[in-house]
Amino acid sequence: MSQTPPDRLSTNEKSPHYDAAVLERGVGVRFRGVEKNNVEEYCVSEGWVRLSVGTTKDRFGNPLTLKLQGEVEPYFRDIAD
């Protein structure tokens, strides 16, 4: 497996950008230099993240998300330190 996380990754199993093996390994995300733990999806090349908003769900039972633009730095937690 590669030492760099994918350019785009989603935690939603229905997404084409979902990768169970990568998520199982553990991916951390720094957004604008701050560690984020509520990231549902990210894209490094386009510079955005989708963050879940509290415990609110949409009408399909998915977490309600907010898309923010900025610098995205994904990393694998097992090789971070």
N, C-alpha and C. Protein backbone atom coordinates (compact mmCIF):
# COMPACT_ATOMS: atom_id res chain seq x y z
N MET A 1 0.84 -1.18 0.00
CA MET A 1 0.00 0.00 0.00
C MET A 1 0.88 1.24 0.00
N SER A 2 0.42 2.28 -0.64
CA SER A 2 1.16 3.53 -0.77
C SER A 2 1.33 4.23 0.58
N GLN A 3 2.36 5.05 0.71
CA GLN A 3 2.61 5.80 1.94
C GLN A 3 1.86 7.13 1.95
N THR A 4 1.20 7.49 0.84
CA THR A 4 0.43 8.73 0.79
C THR A 4 -1.05 8.39 0.65
N PRO A 5 -1.90 9.10 1.37
CA PRO A 5 -3.34 8.87 1.27
C PRO A 5 -3.85 9.27 -0.12
N PRO A 6 -5.01 8.77 -0.52
CA PRO A 6 -5.56 9.11 -1.83
C PRO A 6 -5.94 10.59 -1.91
N ASP A 7 -6.03 11.10 -3.14
CA ASP A 7 -6.39 12.49 -3.38
C ASP A 7 -7.80 12.79 -2.88
N ARG A 8 -8.70 11.83 -3.01
CA ARG A 8 -10.08 12.02 -2.58
C ARG A 8 -10.54 10.77 -1.85
N LEU A 9 -11.22 10.95 -0.72
CA LEU A 9 -11.67 9.82 0.09
C LEU A 9 -12.97 10.17 0.79
N SER A 10 -13.85 9.19 0.89
CA SER A 10 -15.15 9.38 1.54
C SER A 10 -15.38 8.26 2.55
N THR A 11 -16.11 8.57 3.61
CA THR A 11 -16.47 7.55 4.60
C THR A 11 -17.82 6.92 4.30
N ASN A 12 -18.54 7.44 3.30
CA ASN A 12 -19.84 6.91 2.91
C ASN A 12 -19.65 5.70 2.00
N GLU A 13 -20.18 4.55 2.38
CA GLU A 13 -20.02 3.31 1.62
C GLU A 13 -20.63 3.38 0.22
N LYS A 14 -21.58 4.25 0.00
CA LYS A 14 -22.24 4.38 -1.30
C LYS A 14 -21.45 5.26 -2.27
N SER A 15 -20.46 5.95 -1.80
CA SER A 15 -19.67 6.84 -2.63
C SER A 15 -18.67 6.07 -3.48
N PRO A 16 -18.39 6.54 -4.71
CA PRO A 16 -17.36 5.88 -5.52
C PRO A 16 -15.95 6.14 -4.98
N HIS A 17 -15.80 7.07 -4.05
CA HIS A 17 -14.50 7.40 -3.46
C HIS A 17 -14.27 6.72 -2.11
N TYR A 18 -15.12 5.77 -1.77
CA TYR A 18 -14.99 5.01 -0.53
C TYR A 18 -13.94 3.91 -0.72
N ASP A 19 -13.04 3.77 0.25
CA ASP A 19 -12.01 2.72 0.21
C ASP A 19 -11.84 2.17 1.62
N ALA A 20 -12.41 1.00 1.86
CA ALA A 20 -12.41 0.41 3.20
C ALA A 20 -11.00 0.12 3.70
N ALA A 21 -10.11 -0.34 2.83
CA ALA A 21 -8.74 -0.68 3.24
C ALA A 21 -7.99 0.56 3.74
N VAL A 22 -8.16 1.66 3.06
CA VAL A 22 -7.49 2.91 3.47
C VAL A 22 -8.08 3.42 4.78
N LEU A 23 -9.40 3.38 4.91
CA LEU A 23 -10.04 3.84 6.14
C LEU A 23 -9.68 2.96 7.33
N GLU A 24 -9.54 1.68 7.10
CA GLU A 24 -9.17 0.75 8.17
C GLU A 24 -7.75 1.04 8.67
N ARG A 25 -6.90 1.47 7.77
CA ARG A 25 -5.51 1.82 8.15
C ARG A 25 -5.49 3.06 9.04
N GLY A 26 -6.42 3.97 8.84
CA GLY A 26 -6.52 5.16 9.67
C GLY A 26 -5.98 6.40 8.97
N VAL A 27 -6.87 7.28 8.56
CA VAL A 27 -6.48 8.50 7.88
C VAL A 27 -6.86 9.69 8.74
N GLY A 28 -5.91 10.58 8.97
CA GLY A 28 -6.17 11.82 9.68
C GLY A 28 -6.18 12.96 8.68
N VAL A 29 -6.88 14.05 9.01
CA VAL A 29 -6.97 15.19 8.10
C VAL A 29 -6.71 16.48 8.87
N ARG A 30 -5.78 17.27 8.35
CA ARG A 30 -5.56 18.63 8.84
C ARG A 30 -6.18 19.57 7.83
N PHE A 31 -7.09 20.41 8.29
CA PHE A 31 -7.75 21.38 7.43
C PHE A 31 -7.37 22.77 7.91
N ARG A 32 -6.71 23.52 7.03
CA ARG A 32 -6.19 24.85 7.37
C ARG A 32 -5.27 24.79 8.59
N GLY A 33 -4.51 23.70 8.71
CA GLY A 33 -3.55 23.54 9.79
C GLY A 33 -4.12 23.04 11.10
N VAL A 34 -5.41 22.72 11.15
CA VAL A 34 -6.07 22.26 12.38
C VAL A 34 -6.56 20.82 12.17
N GLU A 35 -6.26 19.96 13.14
CA GLU A 35 -6.71 18.57 13.10
C GLU A 35 -8.23 18.51 13.18
N LYS A 36 -8.86 17.79 12.23
CA LYS A 36 -10.31 17.63 12.22
C LYS A 36 -10.67 16.16 12.39
N ASN A 37 -11.64 15.88 13.25
CA ASN A 37 -12.07 14.51 13.52
C ASN A 37 -13.45 14.21 12.95
N ASN A 38 -14.11 15.21 12.37
CA ASN A 38 -15.47 15.02 11.86
C ASN A 38 -15.53 15.13 10.34
N VAL A 39 -14.48 14.73 9.64
CA VAL A 39 -14.43 14.80 8.19
C VAL A 39 -15.16 13.60 7.58
N GLU A 40 -16.13 13.86 6.73
CA GLU A 40 -16.88 12.82 6.04
C GLU A 40 -16.27 12.53 4.67
N GLU A 41 -15.69 13.56 4.03
CA GLU A 41 -15.09 13.41 2.71
C GLU A 41 -14.11 14.55 2.50
N TYR A 42 -13.06 14.30 1.73
CA TYR A 42 -12.11 15.36 1.40
C TYR A 42 -11.60 15.20 -0.02
N CYS A 43 -11.09 16.31 -0.57
CA CYS A 43 -10.45 16.29 -1.88
C CYS A 43 -9.28 17.26 -1.82
N VAL A 44 -8.07 16.74 -1.96
CA VAL A 44 -6.86 17.56 -1.85
C VAL A 44 -6.70 18.45 -3.08
N SER A 45 -6.88 17.89 -4.29
CA SER A 45 -6.65 18.65 -5.52
C SER A 45 -7.62 19.82 -5.68
N GLU A 46 -8.86 19.65 -5.22
CA GLU A 46 -9.85 20.72 -5.32
C GLU A 46 -9.86 21.60 -4.07
N GLY A 47 -9.22 21.16 -2.98
CA GLY A 47 -9.09 21.96 -1.77
C GLY A 47 -10.37 22.13 -0.98
N TRP A 48 -11.06 21.04 -0.65
CA TRP A 48 -12.27 21.13 0.17
C TRP A 48 -12.43 19.91 1.06
N VAL A 49 -13.22 20.08 2.11
CA VAL A 49 -13.60 18.99 3.00
C VAL A 49 -15.10 19.09 3.27
N ARG A 50 -15.71 17.95 3.57
CA ARG A 50 -17.10 17.91 4.04
C ARG A 50 -17.04 17.49 5.49
N LEU A 51 -17.53 18.38 6.36
CA LEU A 51 -17.54 18.12 7.80
C LEU A 51 -18.95 17.83 8.27
N SER A 52 -19.11 16.83 9.12
CA SER A 52 -20.43 16.54 9.67
C SER A 52 -20.77 17.60 10.71
N VAL A 53 -22.04 17.95 10.76
CA VAL A 53 -22.52 19.00 11.65
C VAL A 53 -23.29 18.35 12.79
N GLY A 54 -22.62 18.20 13.93
CA GLY A 54 -23.27 17.61 15.10
C GLY A 54 -23.79 16.21 14.84
N THR A 55 -24.94 15.89 15.41
CA THR A 55 -25.56 14.58 15.22
C THR A 55 -26.77 14.66 14.30
N THR A 56 -26.94 15.79 13.62
CA THR A 56 -28.07 15.99 12.74
C THR A 56 -27.99 15.08 11.52
N LYS A 57 -29.12 14.52 11.13
CA LYS A 57 -29.20 13.63 9.97
C LYS A 57 -30.11 14.25 8.91
N ASP A 58 -29.84 13.92 7.63
CA ASP A 58 -30.73 14.36 6.58
C ASP A 58 -31.90 13.37 6.46
N ARG A 59 -32.76 13.56 5.48
CA ARG A 59 -33.96 12.72 5.36
C ARG A 59 -33.66 11.28 4.97
N PHE A 60 -32.42 11.02 4.51
CA PHE A 60 -32.02 9.67 4.15
C PHE A 60 -31.23 8.99 5.26
N GLY A 61 -31.04 9.66 6.38
CA GLY A 61 -30.32 9.08 7.51
C GLY A 61 -28.82 9.30 7.48
N ASN A 62 -28.35 10.10 6.52
CA ASN A 62 -26.92 10.42 6.42
C ASN A 62 -26.61 11.64 7.26
N PRO A 63 -25.37 11.77 7.74
CA PRO A 63 -25.01 12.96 8.52
C PRO A 63 -25.14 14.23 7.68
N LEU A 64 -25.63 15.29 8.29
CA LEU A 64 -25.71 16.59 7.63
C LEU A 64 -24.30 17.15 7.55
N THR A 65 -23.88 17.58 6.36
CA THR A 65 -22.50 18.01 6.16
C THR A 65 -22.42 19.46 5.68
N LEU A 66 -21.25 20.03 5.89
CA LEU A 66 -20.94 21.39 5.48
C LEU A 66 -19.66 21.33 4.67
N LYS A 67 -19.67 21.90 3.47
CA LYS A 67 -18.49 21.86 2.59
C LYS A 67 -17.70 23.16 2.78
N LEU A 68 -16.42 23.01 3.14
CA LEU A 68 -15.55 24.16 3.35
C LEU A 68 -14.35 24.09 2.42
N GLN A 69 -13.92 25.25 1.93
CA GLN A 69 -12.77 25.36 1.04
C GLN A 69 -11.53 25.73 1.84
N GLY A 70 -10.38 25.19 1.47
CA GLY A 70 -9.14 25.53 2.13
C GLY A 70 -8.08 24.46 1.91
N GLU A 71 -6.95 24.62 2.56
CA GLU A 71 -5.84 23.68 2.43
C GLU A 71 -6.14 22.39 3.19
N VAL A 72 -6.01 21.26 2.49
CA VAL A 72 -6.31 19.94 3.05
C VAL A 72 -5.02 19.12 3.08
N GLU A 73 -4.69 18.55 4.24
CA GLU A 73 -3.50 17.72 4.39
C GLU A 73 -3.89 16.37 5.01
N PRO A 74 -4.14 15.35 4.19
CA PRO A 74 -4.41 14.02 4.76
C PRO A 74 -3.11 13.30 5.09
N TYR A 75 -3.16 12.39 6.07
CA TYR A 75 -1.99 11.60 6.44
C TYR A 75 -2.47 10.31 7.08
N PHE A 76 -1.60 9.31 7.04
CA PHE A 76 -1.91 8.05 7.72
C PHE A 76 -1.50 8.19 9.17
N ARG A 77 -2.38 7.82 10.07
CA ARG A 77 -2.12 7.96 11.50
C ARG A 77 -0.97 7.07 11.98
N ASP A 78 -0.78 5.91 11.34
CA ASP A 78 0.27 4.98 11.79
C ASP A 78 1.68 5.46 11.44
N ILE A 79 1.84 6.42 10.53
CA ILE A 79 3.17 6.94 10.20
C ILE A 79 3.27 8.44 10.46
N ALA A 80 2.31 9.00 11.20
CA ALA A 80 2.27 10.44 11.44
C ALA A 80 3.40 10.91 12.33
N ASP A 81 3.73 10.15 13.35
CA ASP A 81 4.75 10.61 14.32
C ASP A 81 6.01 9.82 14.28
